[in-house]
Amino acid sequence: MNLFPFVFWPHIKNPIKAMGLMRKYRRVFGGEDGKAVLKDILLQAGYGGVTPHGGPVERNEGKRELAAHILLVLGLTEDEMAAYQKEANRLQTEFNQAQMELTDDRSGY
C-alpha cells in the first residue's frame, strides 16, 4: 500500500480515493491550460519569493503554501520545480514592471 497520498490528504482514509485525487490534480494541471493557470497561481501567490502587492502577508503566505501543495502533488522533479520557480520570478518581474508603468502613466494626469 502506498502511503504517499496521505501526506497530502490525511482525511482521506481510502488509498484508492487518495490516488484518484492525485491523478485528478495531474490531469487538471498537466495540460497547457492547466499549466497557464498554475503559472498564474504561482504569480498571485508570490511563489518566486516576493510577496505580491495587495493583501496581508499572512494571506499571501497561505497562497504560497497552496501553490507549493499543488506543485508537490504533481510530483515534479527538482528541475521542474526550479523551472516553475524561475518562471514565477520572471512573471513577478514583468508584473512589477507593468505596475510601475501603470503608476507612471497615472501620475502624468
C-alpha atoms as a PDB file:
ATOM      1  CA  MET A   1       0.000   0.000   0.000  1.00  0.00           C
ATOM      2  CA  ASN A   2       1.342   3.443  -0.977  1.00  0.00           C
ATOM      3  CA  LEU A   3       1.028   5.921   1.917  1.00  0.00           C
ATOM      4  CA  PHE A   4       2.345   8.857  -0.134  1.00  0.00           C
ATOM      5  CA  PRO A   5      -1.093  10.436  -0.877  1.00  0.00           C
ATOM      6  CA  PHE A   6      -1.922  10.506   2.824  1.00  0.00           C
ATOM      7  CA  VAL A   7       0.768  13.139   3.281  1.00  0.00           C
ATOM      8  CA  PHE A   8      -1.465  15.460   1.234  1.00  0.00           C
ATOM      9  CA  TRP A   9      -4.887  14.309   2.400  1.00  0.00           C
ATOM     10  CA  PRO A  10      -4.824  12.661   5.839  1.00  0.00           C
ATOM     11  CA  HIS A  11      -8.626  12.963   5.948  1.00  0.00           C
ATOM     12  CA  ILE A  12      -8.988  10.522   3.033  1.00  0.00           C
ATOM     13  CA  LYS A  13      -8.787   7.052   4.545  1.00  0.00           C
ATOM     14  CA  ASN A  14      -9.173   5.114   1.301  1.00  0.00           C
ATOM     15  CA  PRO A  15      -5.872   4.896  -0.605  1.00  0.00           C
ATOM     16  CA  ILE A  16      -7.675   4.381  -3.915  1.00  0.00           C
ATOM     17  CA  LYS A  17      -9.590   7.642  -3.425  1.00  0.00           C
ATOM     18  CA  ALA A  18      -6.389   9.462  -2.445  1.00  0.00           C
ATOM     19  CA  MET A  19      -4.571   8.189  -5.546  1.00  0.00           C
ATOM     20  CA  GLY A  20      -7.596   9.136  -7.640  1.00  0.00           C
ATOM     21  CA  LEU A  21      -7.488  12.693  -6.330  1.00  0.00           C
ATOM     22  CA  MET A  22      -3.775  12.872  -7.089  1.00  0.00           C
ATOM     23  CA  ARG A  23      -4.473  11.753 -10.669  1.00  0.00           C
ATOM     24  CA  LYS A  24      -7.135  14.492 -10.953  1.00  0.00           C
ATOM     25  CA  TYR A  25      -4.631  17.159  -9.897  1.00  0.00           C
ATOM     26  CA  ARG A  26      -2.229  15.875 -12.532  1.00  0.00           C
ATOM     27  CA  ARG A  27      -4.952  15.799 -15.191  1.00  0.00           C
ATOM     28  CA  VAL A  28      -6.135  19.331 -14.370  1.00  0.00           C
ATOM     29  CA  PHE A  29      -2.687  20.923 -14.203  1.00  0.00           C
ATOM     30  CA  GLY A  30      -0.929  18.691 -16.755  1.00  0.00           C
ATOM     31  CA  GLY A  31      -2.340  20.230 -19.935  1.00  0.00           C
ATOM     32  CA  GLU A  32      -1.464  23.573 -21.485  1.00  0.00           C
ATOM     33  CA  ASP A  33      -4.486  25.350 -19.954  1.00  0.00           C
ATOM     34  CA  GLY A  34      -3.702  23.897 -16.545  1.00  0.00           C
ATOM     35  CA  LYS A  35      -0.075  24.961 -16.800  1.00  0.00           C
ATOM     36  CA  ALA A  36      -1.154  28.501 -17.694  1.00  0.00           C
ATOM     37  CA  VAL A  37      -3.499  28.582 -14.691  1.00  0.00           C
ATOM     38  CA  LEU A  38      -0.767  27.165 -12.462  1.00  0.00           C
ATOM     39  CA  LYS A  39       1.637  29.889 -13.598  1.00  0.00           C
ATOM     40  CA  ASP A  40      -0.975  32.495 -12.696  1.00  0.00           C
ATOM     41  CA  ILE A  41      -1.481  30.856  -9.292  1.00  0.00           C
ATOM     42  CA  LEU A  42       2.289  30.992  -8.746  1.00  0.00           C
ATOM     43  CA  LEU A  43       2.332  34.666  -9.698  1.00  0.00           C
ATOM     44  CA  GLN A  44      -0.618  35.502  -7.446  1.00  0.00           C
ATOM     45  CA  ALA A  45       0.988  33.547  -4.610  1.00  0.00           C
ATOM     46  CA  GLY A  46       4.352  35.243  -4.932  1.00  0.00           C
ATOM     47  CA  TYR A  47       5.895  31.807  -5.338  1.00  0.00           C
ATOM     48  CA  GLY A  48       9.032  33.433  -6.705  1.00  0.00           C
ATOM     49  CA  GLY A  49       9.767  34.593  -3.185  1.00  0.00           C
ATOM     50  CA  VAL A  50       8.330  38.105  -3.402  1.00  0.00           C
ATOM     51  CA  THR A  51       5.106  38.807  -1.568  1.00  0.00           C
ATOM     52  CA  PRO A  52       2.745  40.239  -4.173  1.00  0.00           C
ATOM     53  CA  HIS A  53       1.196  43.653  -3.725  1.00  0.00           C
ATOM     54  CA  GLY A  54      -2.210  43.790  -2.100  1.00  0.00           C
ATOM     55  CA  GLY A  55      -3.226  41.945   0.993  1.00  0.00           C
ATOM     56  CA  PRO A  56      -1.722  40.957   4.284  1.00  0.00           C
ATOM     57  CA  VAL A  57       1.437  38.885   4.359  1.00  0.00           C
ATOM     58  CA  GLU A  58      -0.431  36.084   6.147  1.00  0.00           C
ATOM     59  CA  ARG A  59      -2.869  35.740   3.250  1.00  0.00           C
ATOM     60  CA  ASN A  60      -0.044  35.735   0.740  1.00  0.00           C
ATOM     61  CA  GLU A  61       1.783  33.062   2.732  1.00  0.00           C
ATOM     62  CA  GLY A  62      -1.374  30.952   2.576  1.00  0.00           C
ATOM     63  CA  LYS A  63      -1.450  31.396  -1.191  1.00  0.00           C
ATOM     64  CA  ARG A  64       2.208  30.413  -1.382  1.00  0.00           C
ATOM     65  CA  GLU A  65       1.576  27.279   0.679  1.00  0.00           C
ATOM     66  CA  LEU A  66      -1.317  26.284  -1.579  1.00  0.00           C
ATOM     67  CA  ALA A  67       0.825  26.810  -4.689  1.00  0.00           C
ATOM     68  CA  ALA A  68       3.580  24.672  -3.152  1.00  0.00           C
ATOM     69  CA  HIS A  69       0.992  21.995  -2.304  1.00  0.00           C
ATOM     70  CA  ILE A  70      -0.167  21.834  -5.918  1.00  0.00           C
ATOM     71  CA  LEU A  71       3.408  21.544  -7.183  1.00  0.00           C
ATOM     72  CA  LEU A  72       4.174  18.825  -4.651  1.00  0.00           C
ATOM     73  CA  VAL A  73       1.072  16.807  -5.542  1.00  0.00           C
ATOM     74  CA  LEU A  74       2.029  16.969  -9.213  1.00  0.00           C
ATOM     75  CA  GLY A  75       5.174  15.023  -8.326  1.00  0.00           C
ATOM     76  CA  LEU A  76       7.531  17.305 -10.202  1.00  0.00           C
ATOM     77  CA  THR A  77      11.251  16.680 -10.281  1.00  0.00           C
ATOM     78  CA  GLU A  78      13.621  19.182  -8.652  1.00  0.00           C
ATOM     79  CA  ASP A  79      14.478  20.532 -12.101  1.00  0.00           C
ATOM     80  CA  GLU A  80      10.788  21.032 -12.948  1.00  0.00           C
ATOM     81  CA  MET A  81      10.221  22.748  -9.592  1.00  0.00           C
ATOM     82  CA  ALA A  82      13.212  25.015 -10.267  1.00  0.00           C
ATOM     83  CA  ALA A  83      11.803  25.844 -13.706  1.00  0.00           C
ATOM     84  CA  TYR A  84       8.467  26.843 -12.154  1.00  0.00           C
ATOM     85  CA  GLN A  85      10.320  28.938  -9.565  1.00  0.00           C
ATOM     86  CA  LYS A  86      12.284  30.664 -12.333  1.00  0.00           C
ATOM     87  CA  GLU A  87       9.101  31.266 -14.326  1.00  0.00           C
ATOM     88  CA  ALA A  88       7.368  32.666 -11.233  1.00  0.00           C
ATOM     89  CA  ASN A  89      10.281  35.065 -10.734  1.00  0.00           C
ATOM     90  CA  ARG A  90      10.102  36.148 -14.382  1.00  0.00           C
ATOM     91  CA  LEU A  91       6.337  36.685 -14.203  1.00  0.00           C
ATOM     92  CA  GLN A  92       6.712  38.653 -10.968  1.00  0.00           C
ATOM     93  CA  THR A  93       9.309  40.907 -12.601  1.00  0.00           C
ATOM     94  CA  GLU A  94       7.015  41.522 -15.587  1.00  0.00           C
ATOM     95  CA  PHE A  95       4.085  42.178 -13.259  1.00  0.00           C
ATOM     96  CA  ASN A  96       6.109  44.641 -11.177  1.00  0.00           C
ATOM     97  CA  GLN A  97       7.265  46.442 -14.329  1.00  0.00           C
ATOM     98  CA  ALA A  98       3.686  46.725 -15.602  1.00  0.00           C
ATOM     99  CA  GLN A  99       2.586  48.075 -12.207  1.00  0.00           C
ATOM    100  CA  MET A 100       5.312  50.741 -12.312  1.00  0.00           C
ATOM    101  CA  GLU A 101       4.405  51.725 -15.872  1.00  0.00           C
ATOM    102  CA  LEU A 102       0.741  51.985 -14.918  1.00  0.00           C
ATOM    103  CA  THR A 103       1.647  54.153 -11.923  1.00  0.00           C
ATOM    104  CA  ASP A 104       3.856  56.365 -14.102  1.00  0.00           C
ATOM    105  CA  ASP A 105       1.052  56.727 -16.665  1.00  0.00           C
ATOM    106  CA  ARG A 106      -1.422  57.777 -13.975  1.00  0.00           C
ATOM    107  CA  SER A 107       0.960  60.236 -12.329  1.00  0.00           C
ATOM    108  CA  GLY A 108       1.046  62.288 -15.533  1.00  0.00           C
ATOM    109  CA  TYR A 109      -2.583  63.400 -15.140  1.00  0.00           C
END
